[in-house]
mmCIF file of all heavy atoms, coordinates in Angstrom:
data_MODEL
# 
_entry.id   MODEL 
# 
loop_
_atom_site.group_PDB 
_atom_site.id 
_atom_site.type_symbol 
_atom_site.label_atom_id 
_atom_site.label_alt_id 
_atom_site.label_comp_id 
_atom_site.label_asym_id 
_atom_site.label_entity_id 
_atom_site.label_seq_id 
_atom_site.pdbx_PDB_ins_code 
_atom_site.Cartn_x 
_atom_site.Cartn_y 
_atom_site.Cartn_z 
_atom_site.occupancy 
_atom_site.B_iso_or_equiv 
_atom_site.pdbx_formal_charge 
_atom_site.auth_seq_id 
_atom_site.auth_comp_id 
_atom_site.auth_asym_id 
_atom_site.auth_atom_id 
_atom_site.pdbx_PDB_model_num 
ATOM 1   N N   . HIS A 1 1  ? 135.277 130.446 115.801 1.00 0.00 ? 1  HIS A N   1 
ATOM 2   C CA  . HIS A 1 1  ? 136.530 131.002 115.300 1.00 0.00 ? 1  HIS A CA  1 
ATOM 3   C C   . HIS A 1 1  ? 136.732 130.861 113.798 1.00 0.00 ? 1  HIS A C   1 
ATOM 4   O O   . HIS A 1 1  ? 137.486 131.636 113.212 1.00 0.00 ? 1  HIS A O   1 
ATOM 5   C CB  . HIS A 1 1  ? 137.722 130.365 116.030 1.00 0.00 ? 1  HIS A CB  1 
ATOM 6   C CG  . HIS A 1 1  ? 137.841 130.785 117.460 1.00 0.00 ? 1  HIS A CG  1 
ATOM 7   N ND1 . HIS A 1 1  ? 138.324 132.019 117.834 1.00 0.00 ? 1  HIS A ND1 1 
ATOM 8   C CD2 . HIS A 1 1  ? 137.521 130.140 118.614 1.00 0.00 ? 1  HIS A CD2 1 
ATOM 9   C CE1 . HIS A 1 1  ? 138.309 132.120 119.150 1.00 0.00 ? 1  HIS A CE1 1 
ATOM 10  N NE2 . HIS A 1 1  ? 137.823 130.987 119.650 1.00 0.00 ? 1  HIS A NE2 1 
ATOM 11  N N   . TYR A 1 2  ? 136.086 129.877 113.176 1.00 0.00 ? 2  TYR A N   1 
ATOM 12  C CA  . TYR A 1 2  ? 136.425 129.581 111.788 1.00 0.00 ? 2  TYR A CA  1 
ATOM 13  C C   . TYR A 1 2  ? 135.248 129.611 110.810 1.00 0.00 ? 2  TYR A C   1 
ATOM 14  O O   . TYR A 1 2  ? 135.460 129.741 109.612 1.00 0.00 ? 2  TYR A O   1 
ATOM 15  C CB  . TYR A 1 2  ? 137.140 128.225 111.709 1.00 0.00 ? 2  TYR A CB  1 
ATOM 16  C CG  . TYR A 1 2  ? 138.515 128.286 112.351 1.00 0.00 ? 2  TYR A CG  1 
ATOM 17  C CD1 . TYR A 1 2  ? 138.724 127.826 113.644 1.00 0.00 ? 2  TYR A CD1 1 
ATOM 18  C CD2 . TYR A 1 2  ? 139.576 128.847 111.656 1.00 0.00 ? 2  TYR A CD2 1 
ATOM 19  C CE1 . TYR A 1 2  ? 139.972 127.918 114.238 1.00 0.00 ? 2  TYR A CE1 1 
ATOM 20  C CE2 . TYR A 1 2  ? 140.829 128.937 112.235 1.00 0.00 ? 2  TYR A CE2 1 
ATOM 21  C CZ  . TYR A 1 2  ? 141.025 128.477 113.533 1.00 0.00 ? 2  TYR A CZ  1 
ATOM 22  O OH  . TYR A 1 2  ? 142.267 128.584 114.115 1.00 0.00 ? 2  TYR A OH  1 
ATOM 23  N N   . ASP A 1 3  ? 134.023 129.499 111.288 1.00 0.00 ? 3  ASP A N   1 
ATOM 24  C CA  . ASP A 1 3  ? 132.876 129.565 110.369 1.00 0.00 ? 3  ASP A CA  1 
ATOM 25  C C   . ASP A 1 3  ? 132.373 130.997 110.306 1.00 0.00 ? 3  ASP A C   1 
ATOM 26  O O   . ASP A 1 3  ? 131.270 131.322 110.737 1.00 0.00 ? 3  ASP A O   1 
ATOM 27  C CB  . ASP A 1 3  ? 131.775 128.611 110.828 1.00 0.00 ? 3  ASP A CB  1 
ATOM 28  C CG  . ASP A 1 3  ? 130.600 128.579 109.859 1.00 0.00 ? 3  ASP A CG  1 
ATOM 29  O OD1 . ASP A 1 3  ? 130.773 128.977 108.684 1.00 0.00 ? 3  ASP A OD1 1 
ATOM 30  O OD2 . ASP A 1 3  ? 129.509 128.148 110.274 1.00 0.00 ? 3  ASP A OD2 1 
ATOM 31  N N   . THR A 1 4  ? 133.183 131.863 109.731 1.00 0.00 ? 4  THR A N   1 
ATOM 32  C CA  . THR A 1 4  ? 132.890 133.299 109.719 1.00 0.00 ? 4  THR A CA  1 
ATOM 33  C C   . THR A 1 4  ? 131.588 133.633 109.011 1.00 0.00 ? 4  THR A C   1 
ATOM 34  O O   . THR A 1 4  ? 130.869 134.551 109.412 1.00 0.00 ? 4  THR A O   1 
ATOM 35  C CB  . THR A 1 4  ? 134.039 134.058 109.031 1.00 0.00 ? 4  THR A CB  1 
ATOM 36  O OG1 . THR A 1 4  ? 135.276 133.636 109.596 1.00 0.00 ? 4  THR A OG1 1 
ATOM 37  C CG2 . THR A 1 4  ? 133.885 135.554 109.204 1.00 0.00 ? 4  THR A CG2 1 
ATOM 38  N N   . LEU A 1 5  ? 131.281 132.908 107.963 1.00 0.00 ? 5  LEU A N   1 
ATOM 39  C CA  . LEU A 1 5  ? 130.085 133.197 107.180 1.00 0.00 ? 5  LEU A CA  1 
ATOM 40  C C   . LEU A 1 5  ? 128.832 132.541 107.755 1.00 0.00 ? 5  LEU A C   1 
ATOM 41  O O   . LEU A 1 5  ? 127.754 132.643 107.161 1.00 0.00 ? 5  LEU A O   1 
ATOM 42  C CB  . LEU A 1 5  ? 130.292 132.739 105.730 1.00 0.00 ? 5  LEU A CB  1 
ATOM 43  C CG  . LEU A 1 5  ? 131.444 133.406 104.983 1.00 0.00 ? 5  LEU A CG  1 
ATOM 44  C CD1 . LEU A 1 5  ? 131.590 132.817 103.581 1.00 0.00 ? 5  LEU A CD1 1 
ATOM 45  C CD2 . LEU A 1 5  ? 131.246 134.915 104.909 1.00 0.00 ? 5  LEU A CD2 1 
ATOM 46  N N   . ARG A 1 6  ? 128.994 131.883 108.886 1.00 0.00 ? 6  ARG A N   1 
ATOM 47  C CA  . ARG A 1 6  ? 127.854 131.217 109.545 1.00 0.00 ? 6  ARG A CA  1 
ATOM 48  C C   . ARG A 1 6  ? 127.163 130.233 108.610 1.00 0.00 ? 6  ARG A C   1 
ATOM 49  O O   . ARG A 1 6  ? 125.936 130.199 108.515 1.00 0.00 ? 6  ARG A O   1 
ATOM 50  C CB  . ARG A 1 6  ? 126.846 132.245 110.050 1.00 0.00 ? 6  ARG A CB  1 
ATOM 51  C CG  . ARG A 1 6  ? 127.411 133.265 111.028 1.00 0.00 ? 6  ARG A CG  1 
ATOM 52  C CD  . ARG A 1 6  ? 127.779 132.675 112.363 1.00 0.00 ? 6  ARG A CD  1 
ATOM 53  N NE  . ARG A 1 6  ? 128.098 133.701 113.346 1.00 0.00 ? 6  ARG A NE  1 
ATOM 54  C CZ  . ARG A 1 6  ? 128.572 133.456 114.565 1.00 0.00 ? 6  ARG A CZ  1 
ATOM 55  N NH1 . ARG A 1 6  ? 128.787 132.210 114.934 1.00 0.00 ? 6  ARG A NH1 1 
ATOM 56  N NH2 . ARG A 1 6  ? 128.824 134.440 115.389 1.00 0.00 ? 6  ARG A NH2 1 
ATOM 57  N N   . LYS A 1 7  ? 127.965 129.433 107.935 1.00 0.00 ? 7  LYS A N   1 
ATOM 58  C CA  . LYS A 1 7  ? 127.412 128.423 107.050 1.00 0.00 ? 7  LYS A CA  1 
ATOM 59  C C   . LYS A 1 7  ? 126.848 127.228 107.808 1.00 0.00 ? 7  LYS A C   1 
ATOM 60  O O   . LYS A 1 7  ? 125.943 126.540 107.326 1.00 0.00 ? 7  LYS A O   1 
ATOM 61  C CB  . LYS A 1 7  ? 128.494 127.932 106.080 1.00 0.00 ? 7  LYS A CB  1 
ATOM 62  C CG  . LYS A 1 7  ? 128.999 128.967 105.087 1.00 0.00 ? 7  LYS A CG  1 
ATOM 63  C CD  . LYS A 1 7  ? 127.946 129.274 104.042 1.00 0.00 ? 7  LYS A CD  1 
ATOM 64  C CE  . LYS A 1 7  ? 128.518 130.164 102.955 1.00 0.00 ? 7  LYS A CE  1 
ATOM 65  N NZ  . LYS A 1 7  ? 127.509 130.455 101.898 1.00 0.00 ? 7  LYS A NZ  1 
ATOM 66  N N   . PHE A 1 8  ? 127.385 126.968 109.002 1.00 0.00 ? 8  PHE A N   1 
ATOM 67  C CA  . PHE A 1 8  ? 127.041 125.744 109.707 1.00 0.00 ? 8  PHE A CA  1 
ATOM 68  C C   . PHE A 1 8  ? 126.559 125.987 111.139 1.00 0.00 ? 8  PHE A C   1 
ATOM 69  O O   . PHE A 1 8  ? 126.411 125.039 111.918 1.00 0.00 ? 8  PHE A O   1 
ATOM 70  C CB  . PHE A 1 8  ? 128.252 124.801 109.723 1.00 0.00 ? 8  PHE A CB  1 
ATOM 71  C CG  . PHE A 1 8  ? 128.796 124.535 108.355 1.00 0.00 ? 8  PHE A CG  1 
ATOM 72  C CD1 . PHE A 1 8  ? 129.994 125.107 107.948 1.00 0.00 ? 8  PHE A CD1 1 
ATOM 73  C CD2 . PHE A 1 8  ? 128.092 123.745 107.444 1.00 0.00 ? 8  PHE A CD2 1 
ATOM 74  C CE1 . PHE A 1 8  ? 130.495 124.874 106.671 1.00 0.00 ? 8  PHE A CE1 1 
ATOM 75  C CE2 . PHE A 1 8  ? 128.590 123.506 106.167 1.00 0.00 ? 8  PHE A CE2 1 
ATOM 76  C CZ  . PHE A 1 8  ? 129.794 124.069 105.786 1.00 0.00 ? 8  PHE A CZ  1 
ATOM 77  N N   . ALA A 1 9  ? 126.335 127.240 111.492 1.00 0.00 ? 9  ALA A N   1 
ATOM 78  C CA  . ALA A 1 9  ? 125.820 127.586 112.816 1.00 0.00 ? 9  ALA A CA  1 
ATOM 79  C C   . ALA A 1 9  ? 125.029 128.882 112.685 1.00 0.00 ? 9  ALA A C   1 
ATOM 80  O O   . ALA A 1 9  ? 125.096 129.563 111.658 1.00 0.00 ? 9  ALA A O   1 
ATOM 81  C CB  . ALA A 1 9  ? 126.959 127.729 113.826 1.00 0.00 ? 9  ALA A CB  1 
ATOM 82  N N   . PHE A 1 10 ? 124.289 129.214 113.726 1.00 0.00 ? 10 PHE A N   1 
ATOM 83  C CA  . PHE A 1 10 ? 123.422 130.386 113.697 1.00 0.00 ? 10 PHE A CA  1 
ATOM 84  C C   . PHE A 1 10 ? 123.998 131.482 114.574 1.00 0.00 ? 10 PHE A C   1 
ATOM 85  O O   . PHE A 1 10 ? 124.451 131.226 115.694 1.00 0.00 ? 10 PHE A O   1 
ATOM 86  C CB  . PHE A 1 10 ? 122.016 130.018 114.180 1.00 0.00 ? 10 PHE A CB  1 
ATOM 87  C CG  . PHE A 1 10 ? 121.366 128.927 113.375 1.00 0.00 ? 10 PHE A CG  1 
ATOM 88  C CD1 . PHE A 1 10 ? 121.412 127.606 113.809 1.00 0.00 ? 10 PHE A CD1 1 
ATOM 89  C CD2 . PHE A 1 10 ? 120.720 129.214 112.182 1.00 0.00 ? 10 PHE A CD2 1 
ATOM 90  C CE1 . PHE A 1 10 ? 120.823 126.593 113.070 1.00 0.00 ? 10 PHE A CE1 1 
ATOM 91  C CE2 . PHE A 1 10 ? 120.137 128.211 111.432 1.00 0.00 ? 10 PHE A CE2 1 
ATOM 92  C CZ  . PHE A 1 10 ? 120.181 126.891 111.881 1.00 0.00 ? 10 PHE A CZ  1 
ATOM 93  N N   . ASP A 1 11 ? 123.955 132.704 114.079 1.00 0.00 ? 11 ASP A N   1 
ATOM 94  C CA  . ASP A 1 11 ? 124.435 133.848 114.841 1.00 0.00 ? 11 ASP A CA  1 
ATOM 95  C C   . ASP A 1 11 ? 123.530 134.041 116.066 1.00 0.00 ? 11 ASP A C   1 
ATOM 96  O O   . ASP A 1 11 ? 122.318 134.238 115.916 1.00 0.00 ? 11 ASP A O   1 
ATOM 97  C CB  . ASP A 1 11 ? 124.397 135.092 113.949 1.00 0.00 ? 11 ASP A CB  1 
ATOM 98  C CG  . ASP A 1 11 ? 125.052 136.293 114.602 1.00 0.00 ? 11 ASP A CG  1 
ATOM 99  O OD1 . ASP A 1 11 ? 124.823 136.528 115.802 1.00 0.00 ? 11 ASP A OD1 1 
ATOM 100 O OD2 . ASP A 1 11 ? 125.795 137.010 113.905 1.00 0.00 ? 11 ASP A OD2 1 
ATOM 101 N N   . PRO A 1 12 ? 124.090 133.988 117.278 1.00 0.00 ? 12 PRO A N   1 
ATOM 102 C CA  . PRO A 1 12 ? 123.244 134.100 118.467 1.00 0.00 ? 12 PRO A CA  1 
ATOM 103 C C   . PRO A 1 12 ? 122.577 135.460 118.612 1.00 0.00 ? 12 PRO A C   1 
ATOM 104 O O   . PRO A 1 12 ? 121.556 135.573 119.302 1.00 0.00 ? 12 PRO A O   1 
ATOM 105 C CB  . PRO A 1 12 ? 124.225 133.836 119.618 1.00 0.00 ? 12 PRO A CB  1 
ATOM 106 C CG  . PRO A 1 12 ? 125.574 134.140 119.048 1.00 0.00 ? 12 PRO A CG  1 
ATOM 107 C CD  . PRO A 1 12 ? 125.501 133.778 117.603 1.00 0.00 ? 12 PRO A CD  1 
ATOM 108 N N   . ASP A 1 13 ? 123.127 136.489 117.981 1.00 0.00 ? 13 ASP A N   1 
ATOM 109 C CA  . ASP A 1 13 ? 122.523 137.823 118.056 1.00 0.00 ? 13 ASP A CA  1 
ATOM 110 C C   . ASP A 1 13 ? 121.478 138.017 116.965 1.00 0.00 ? 13 ASP A C   1 
ATOM 111 O O   . ASP A 1 13 ? 120.380 138.514 117.232 1.00 0.00 ? 13 ASP A O   1 
ATOM 112 C CB  . ASP A 1 13 ? 123.605 138.899 117.936 1.00 0.00 ? 13 ASP A CB  1 
ATOM 113 C CG  . ASP A 1 13 ? 124.588 138.864 119.098 1.00 0.00 ? 13 ASP A CG  1 
ATOM 114 O OD1 . ASP A 1 13 ? 124.137 138.652 120.239 1.00 0.00 ? 13 ASP A OD1 1 
ATOM 115 O OD2 . ASP A 1 13 ? 125.791 139.026 118.859 1.00 0.00 ? 13 ASP A OD2 1 
ATOM 116 N N   . ALA A 1 14 ? 121.799 137.627 115.755 1.00 0.00 ? 14 ALA A N   1 
ATOM 117 C CA  . ALA A 1 14 ? 120.887 137.838 114.632 1.00 0.00 ? 14 ALA A CA  1 
ATOM 118 C C   . ALA A 1 14 ? 119.779 136.795 114.567 1.00 0.00 ? 14 ALA A C   1 
ATOM 119 O O   . ALA A 1 14 ? 118.672 137.088 114.107 1.00 0.00 ? 14 ALA A O   1 
ATOM 120 C CB  . ALA A 1 14 ? 121.672 137.857 113.322 1.00 0.00 ? 14 ALA A CB  1 
ATOM 121 N N   . ARG A 1 15 ? 120.087 135.574 115.020 1.00 0.00 ? 15 ARG A N   1 
ATOM 122 C CA  . ARG A 1 15 ? 119.107 134.477 114.927 1.00 0.00 ? 15 ARG A CA  1 
ATOM 123 C C   . ARG A 1 15 ? 119.081 133.704 116.249 1.00 0.00 ? 15 ARG A C   1 
ATOM 124 O O   . ARG A 1 15 ? 119.413 132.527 116.312 1.00 0.00 ? 15 ARG A O   1 
ATOM 125 C CB  . ARG A 1 15 ? 119.475 133.567 113.756 1.00 0.00 ? 15 ARG A CB  1 
ATOM 126 C CG  . ARG A 1 15 ? 119.568 134.298 112.432 1.00 0.00 ? 15 ARG A CG  1 
ATOM 127 C CD  . ARG A 1 15 ? 120.172 133.463 111.311 1.00 0.00 ? 15 ARG A CD  1 
ATOM 128 N NE  . ARG A 1 15 ? 119.260 132.421 110.836 1.00 0.00 ? 15 ARG A NE  1 
ATOM 129 C CZ  . ARG A 1 15 ? 119.556 131.601 109.832 1.00 0.00 ? 15 ARG A CZ  1 
ATOM 130 N NH1 . ARG A 1 15 ? 120.722 131.697 109.214 1.00 0.00 ? 15 ARG A NH1 1 
ATOM 131 N NH2 . ARG A 1 15 ? 118.694 130.682 109.450 1.00 0.00 ? 15 ARG A NH2 1 
ATOM 132 N N   . PRO A 1 16 ? 118.692 134.384 117.331 1.00 0.00 ? 16 PRO A N   1 
ATOM 133 C CA  . PRO A 1 16 ? 118.796 133.784 118.660 1.00 0.00 ? 16 PRO A CA  1 
ATOM 134 C C   . PRO A 1 16 ? 117.952 132.524 118.853 1.00 0.00 ? 16 PRO A C   1 
ATOM 135 O O   . PRO A 1 16 ? 118.385 131.589 119.537 1.00 0.00 ? 16 PRO A O   1 
ATOM 136 C CB  . PRO A 1 16 ? 118.346 134.900 119.604 1.00 0.00 ? 16 PRO A CB  1 
ATOM 137 C CG  . PRO A 1 16 ? 117.494 135.798 118.755 1.00 0.00 ? 16 PRO A CG  1 
ATOM 138 C CD  . PRO A 1 16 ? 118.125 135.749 117.394 1.00 0.00 ? 16 PRO A CD  1 
ATOM 139 N N   . ASP A 1 17 ? 116.756 132.480 118.274 1.00 0.00 ? 17 ASP A N   1 
ATOM 140 C CA  . ASP A 1 17 ? 115.907 131.306 118.463 1.00 0.00 ? 17 ASP A CA  1 
ATOM 141 C C   . ASP A 1 17 ? 116.493 130.088 117.761 1.00 0.00 ? 17 ASP A C   1 
ATOM 142 O O   . ASP A 1 17 ? 116.500 128.976 118.311 1.00 0.00 ? 17 ASP A O   1 
ATOM 143 C CB  . ASP A 1 17 ? 114.493 131.579 117.946 1.00 0.00 ? 17 ASP A CB  1 
ATOM 144 C CG  . ASP A 1 17 ? 113.749 132.597 118.795 1.00 0.00 ? 17 ASP A CG  1 
ATOM 145 O OD1 . ASP A 1 17 ? 114.255 132.955 119.878 1.00 0.00 ? 17 ASP A OD1 1 
ATOM 146 O OD2 . ASP A 1 17 ? 112.669 133.045 118.369 1.00 0.00 ? 17 ASP A OD2 1 
ATOM 147 N N   . GLU A 1 18 ? 116.991 130.287 116.550 1.00 0.00 ? 18 GLU A N   1 
ATOM 148 C CA  . GLU A 1 18 ? 117.579 129.177 115.812 1.00 0.00 ? 18 GLU A CA  1 
ATOM 149 C C   . GLU A 1 18 ? 118.888 128.724 116.462 1.00 0.00 ? 18 GLU A C   1 
ATOM 150 O O   . GLU A 1 18 ? 119.198 127.528 116.492 1.00 0.00 ? 18 GLU A O   1 
ATOM 151 C CB  . GLU A 1 18 ? 117.802 129.573 114.354 1.00 0.00 ? 18 GLU A CB  1 
ATOM 152 C CG  . GLU A 1 18 ? 116.501 129.740 113.587 1.00 0.00 ? 18 GLU A CG  1 
ATOM 153 C CD  . GLU A 1 18 ? 116.684 130.480 112.278 1.00 0.00 ? 18 GLU A CD  1 
ATOM 154 O OE1 . GLU A 1 18 ? 117.045 131.670 112.307 1.00 0.00 ? 18 GLU A OE1 1 
ATOM 155 O OE2 . GLU A 1 18 ? 116.465 129.847 111.223 1.00 0.00 ? 18 GLU A OE2 1 
ATOM 156 N N   . HIS A 1 19 ? 119.631 129.680 116.995 1.00 0.00 ? 19 HIS A N   1 
ATOM 157 C CA  . HIS A 1 19 ? 120.848 129.332 117.741 1.00 0.00 ? 19 HIS A CA  1 
ATOM 158 C C   . HIS A 1 19 ? 120.498 128.469 118.944 1.00 0.00 ? 19 HIS A C   1 
ATOM 159 O O   . HIS A 1 19 ? 121.169 127.467 119.231 1.00 0.00 ? 19 HIS A O   1 
ATOM 160 C CB  . HIS A 1 19 ? 121.558 130.609 118.194 1.00 0.00 ? 19 HIS A CB  1 
ATOM 161 C CG  . HIS A 1 19 ? 122.770 130.365 119.026 1.00 0.00 ? 19 HIS A CG  1 
ATOM 162 N ND1 . HIS A 1 19 ? 123.968 129.943 118.509 1.00 0.00 ? 19 HIS A ND1 1 
ATOM 163 C CD2 . HIS A 1 19 ? 122.961 130.470 120.371 1.00 0.00 ? 19 HIS A CD2 1 
ATOM 164 C CE1 . HIS A 1 19 ? 124.857 129.818 119.472 1.00 0.00 ? 19 HIS A CE1 1 
ATOM 165 N NE2 . HIS A 1 19 ? 124.260 130.132 120.610 1.00 0.00 ? 19 HIS A NE2 1 
ATOM 166 N N   . SER A 1 20 ? 119.434 128.845 119.648 1.00 0.00 ? 20 SER A N   1 
ATOM 167 C CA  . SER A 1 20 ? 119.001 128.057 120.804 1.00 0.00 ? 20 SER A CA  1 
ATOM 168 C C   . SER A 1 20 ? 118.553 126.659 120.391 1.00 0.00 ? 20 SER A C   1 
ATOM 169 O O   . SER A 1 20 ? 118.879 125.666 121.056 1.00 0.00 ? 20 SER A O   1 
ATOM 170 C CB  . SER A 1 20 ? 117.865 128.779 121.535 1.00 0.00 ? 20 SER A CB  1 
ATOM 171 O OG  . SER A 1 20 ? 117.405 128.004 122.626 1.00 0.00 ? 20 SER A OG  1 
ATOM 172 N N   . GLU A 1 21 ? 117.808 126.570 119.292 1.00 0.00 ? 21 GLU A N   1 
ATOM 173 C CA  . GLU A 1 21 ? 117.408 125.252 118.792 1.00 0.00 ? 21 GLU A CA  1 
ATOM 174 C C   . GLU A 1 21 ? 118.631 124.380 118.500 1.00 0.00 ? 21 GLU A C   1 
ATOM 175 O O   . GLU A 1 21 ? 118.651 123.190 118.831 1.00 0.00 ? 21 GLU A O   1 
ATOM 176 C CB  . GLU A 1 21 ? 116.584 125.396 117.514 1.00 0.00 ? 21 GLU A CB  1 
ATOM 177 C CG  . GLU A 1 21 ? 115.169 125.868 117.703 1.00 0.00 ? 21 GLU A CG  1 
ATOM 178 C CD  . GLU A 1 21 ? 114.392 125.914 116.393 1.00 0.00 ? 21 GLU A CD  1 
ATOM 179 O OE1 . GLU A 1 21 ? 115.015 125.778 115.314 1.00 0.00 ? 21 GLU A OE1 1 
ATOM 180 O OE2 . GLU A 1 21 ? 113.161 126.093 116.456 1.00 0.00 ? 21 GLU A OE2 1 
ATOM 181 N N   . MET A 1 22 ? 119.613 124.975 117.876 1.00 0.00 ? 22 MET A N   1 
ATOM 182 C CA  . MET A 1 22 ? 120.837 124.235 117.560 1.00 0.00 ? 22 MET A CA  1 
ATOM 183 C C   . MET A 1 22 ? 121.481 123.677 118.829 1.00 0.00 ? 22 MET A C   1 
ATOM 184 O O   . MET A 1 22 ? 121.851 122.498 118.894 1.00 0.00 ? 22 MET A O   1 
ATOM 185 C CB  . MET A 1 22 ? 121.818 125.162 116.831 1.00 0.00 ? 22 MET A CB  1 
ATOM 186 C CG  . MET A 1 22 ? 123.136 124.517 116.447 1.00 0.00 ? 22 MET A CG  1 
ATOM 187 S SD  . MET A 1 22 ? 124.293 125.749 115.754 1.00 0.00 ? 22 MET A SD  1 
ATOM 188 C CE  . MET A 1 22 ? 124.827 126.578 117.267 1.00 0.00 ? 22 MET A CE  1 
ATOM 189 N N   . LEU A 1 23 ? 121.587 124.524 119.852 1.00 0.00 ? 23 LEU A N   1 
ATOM 190 C CA  . LEU A 1 23 ? 122.178 124.075 121.113 1.00 0.00 ? 23 LEU A CA  1 
ATOM 191 C C   . LEU A 1 23 ? 121.330 122.985 121.766 1.00 0.00 ? 23 LEU A C   1 
ATOM 192 O O   . LEU A 1 23 ? 121.869 122.008 122.307 1.00 0.00 ? 23 LEU A O   1 
ATOM 193 C CB  . LEU A 1 23 ? 122.335 125.255 122.070 1.00 0.00 ? 23 LEU A CB  1 
ATOM 194 C CG  . LEU A 1 23 ? 123.333 126.340 121.667 1.00 0.00 ? 23 LEU A CG  1 
ATOM 195 C CD1 . LEU A 1 23 ? 123.358 127.433 122.729 1.00 0.00 ? 23 LEU A CD1 1 
ATOM 196 C CD2 . LEU A 1 23 ? 124.732 125.769 121.457 1.00 0.00 ? 23 LEU A CD2 1 
ATOM 197 N N   . GLN A 1 24 ? 120.018 123.141 121.716 1.00 0.00 ? 24 GLN A N   1 
ATOM 198 C CA  . GLN A 1 24 ? 119.143 122.142 122.334 1.00 0.00 ? 24 GLN A CA  1 
ATOM 199 C C   . GLN A 1 24 ? 119.347 120.765 121.714 1.00 0.00 ? 24 GLN A C   1 
ATOM 200 O O   . GLN A 1 24 ? 119.449 119.757 122.423 1.00 0.00 ? 24 GLN A O   1 
ATOM 201 C CB  . GLN A 1 24 ? 117.685 122.576 122.188 1.00 0.00 ? 24 GLN A CB  1 
ATOM 202 C CG  . GLN A 1 24 ? 117.312 123.794 123.028 1.00 0.00 ? 24 GLN A CG  1 
ATOM 203 C CD  . GLN A 1 24 ? 115.928 124.297 122.690 1.00 0.00 ? 24 GLN A CD  1 
ATOM 204 O OE1 . GLN A 1 24 ? 114.955 123.557 122.725 1.00 0.00 ? 24 GLN A OE1 1 
ATOM 205 N NE2 . GLN A 1 24 ? 115.821 125.589 122.366 1.00 0.00 ? 24 GLN A NE2 1 
ATOM 206 N N   . TRP A 1 25 ? 119.433 120.713 120.384 1.00 0.00 ? 25 TRP A N   1 
ATOM 207 C CA  . TRP A 1 25 ? 119.585 119.411 119.736 1.00 0.00 ? 25 TRP A CA  1 
ATOM 208 C C   . TRP A 1 25 ? 120.996 118.872 119.859 1.00 0.00 ? 25 TRP A C   1 
ATOM 209 O O   . TRP A 1 25 ? 121.196 117.647 119.902 1.00 0.00 ? 25 TRP A O   1 
ATOM 210 C CB  . TRP A 1 25 ? 119.114 119.489 118.281 1.00 0.00 ? 25 TRP A CB  1 
ATOM 211 C CG  . TRP A 1 25 ? 117.624 119.577 118.237 1.00 0.00 ? 25 TRP A CG  1 
ATOM 212 C CD1 . TRP A 1 25 ? 116.858 120.683 118.006 1.00 0.00 ? 25 TRP A CD1 1 
ATOM 213 C CD2 . TRP A 1 25 ? 116.705 118.517 118.521 1.00 0.00 ? 25 TRP A CD2 1 
ATOM 214 N NE1 . TRP A 1 25 ? 115.524 120.378 118.115 1.00 0.00 ? 25 TRP A NE1 1 
ATOM 215 C CE2 . TRP A 1 25 ? 115.400 119.049 118.427 1.00 0.00 ? 25 TRP A CE2 1 
ATOM 216 C CE3 . TRP A 1 25 ? 116.849 117.162 118.842 1.00 0.00 ? 25 TRP A CE3 1 
ATOM 217 C CZ2 . TRP A 1 25 ? 114.248 118.279 118.641 1.00 0.00 ? 25 TRP A CZ2 1 
ATOM 218 C CZ3 . TRP A 1 25 ? 115.722 116.392 119.054 1.00 0.00 ? 25 TRP A CZ3 1 
ATOM 219 C CH2 . TRP A 1 25 ? 114.441 116.958 118.955 1.00 0.00 ? 25 TRP A CH2 1 
ATOM 220 N N   . MET A 1 26 ? 121.963 119.756 120.009 1.00 0.00 ? 26 MET A N   1 
ATOM 221 C CA  . MET A 1 26 ? 123.314 119.286 120.311 1.00 0.00 ? 26 MET A CA  1 
ATOM 222 C C   . MET A 1 26 ? 123.360 118.646 121.695 1.00 0.00 ? 26 MET A C   1 
ATOM 223 O O   . MET A 1 26 ? 123.911 117.555 121.877 1.00 0.00 ? 26 MET A O   1 
ATOM 224 C CB  . MET A 1 26 ? 124.312 120.442 120.232 1.00 0.00 ? 26 MET A CB  1 
ATOM 225 C CG  . MET A 1 26 ? 124.569 120.947 118.828 1.00 0.00 ? 26 MET A CG  1 
ATOM 226 S SD  . MET A 1 26 ? 125.781 122.295 118.757 1.00 0.00 ? 26 MET A SD  1 
ATOM 227 C CE  . MET A 1 26 ? 127.295 121.391 119.127 1.00 0.00 ? 26 MET A CE  1 
ATOM 228 N N   . PHE A 1 27 ? 122.750 119.315 122.671 1.00 0.00 ? 27 PHE A N   1 
ATOM 229 C CA  . PHE A 1 27 ? 122.774 118.784 124.032 1.00 0.00 ? 27 PHE A CA  1 
ATOM 230 C C   . PHE A 1 27 ? 121.922 117.521 124.155 1.00 0.00 ? 27 PHE A C   1 
ATOM 231 O O   . PHE A 1 27 ? 122.234 116.624 124.940 1.00 0.00 ? 27 PHE A O   1 
ATOM 232 C CB  . PHE A 1 27 ? 122.302 119.848 125.028 1.00 0.00 ? 27 PHE A CB  1 
ATOM 233 C CG  . PHE A 1 27 ? 123.205 121.051 125.118 1.00 0.00 ? 27 PHE A CG  1 
ATOM 234 C CD1 . PHE A 1 27 ? 122.774 122.216 125.735 1.00 0.00 ? 27 PHE A CD1 1 
ATOM 235 C CD2 . PHE A 1 27 ? 124.477 121.037 124.569 1.00 0.00 ? 27 PHE A CD2 1 
ATOM 236 C CE1 . PHE A 1 27 ? 123.600 123.321 125.819 1.00 0.00 ? 27 PHE A CE1 1 
ATOM 237 C CE2 . PHE A 1 27 ? 125.312 122.139 124.646 1.00 0.00 ? 27 PHE A CE2 1 
ATOM 238 C CZ  . PHE A 1 27 ? 124.873 123.294 125.283 1.00 0.00 ? 27 PHE A CZ  1 
ATOM 239 N N   . PHE A 1 28 ? 120.858 117.446 123.364 1.00 0.00 ? 28 PHE A N   1 
ATOM 240 C CA  . PHE A 1 28 ? 120.045 116.235 123.322 1.00 0.00 ? 28 PHE A CA  1 
ATOM 241 C C   . PHE A 1 28 ? 120.904 115.040 122.897 1.00 0.00 ? 28 PHE A C   1 
ATOM 242 O O   . PHE A 1 28 ? 120.844 113.959 123.497 1.00 0.00 ? 28 PHE A O   1 
ATOM 243 C CB  . PHE A 1 28 ? 118.891 116.428 122.344 1.00 0.00 ? 28 PHE A CB  1 
ATOM 244 C CG  . PHE A 1 28 ? 118.178 115.169 121.951 1.00 0.00 ? 28 PHE A CG  1 
ATOM 245 C CD1 . PHE A 1 28 ? 117.228 114.598 122.790 1.00 0.00 ? 28 PHE A CD1 1 
ATOM 246 C CD2 . PHE A 1 28 ? 118.467 114.539 120.742 1.00 0.00 ? 28 PHE A CD2 1 
ATOM 247 C CE1 . PHE A 1 28 ? 116.573 113.423 122.424 1.00 0.00 ? 28 PHE A CE1 1 
ATOM 248 C CE2 . PHE A 1 28 ? 117.813 113.376 120.369 1.00 0.00 ? 28 PHE A CE2 1 
ATOM 249 C CZ  . PHE A 1 28 ? 116.872 112.810 121.221 1.00 0.00 ? 28 PHE A CZ  1 
# 
């Protein structure tokens, strides 16, 4: 809702693999 420029997260559509990596390490 607030990181519109995607400074701190990865766009799941434009960068799906990096988004998945982010989720994996969060869940880890």
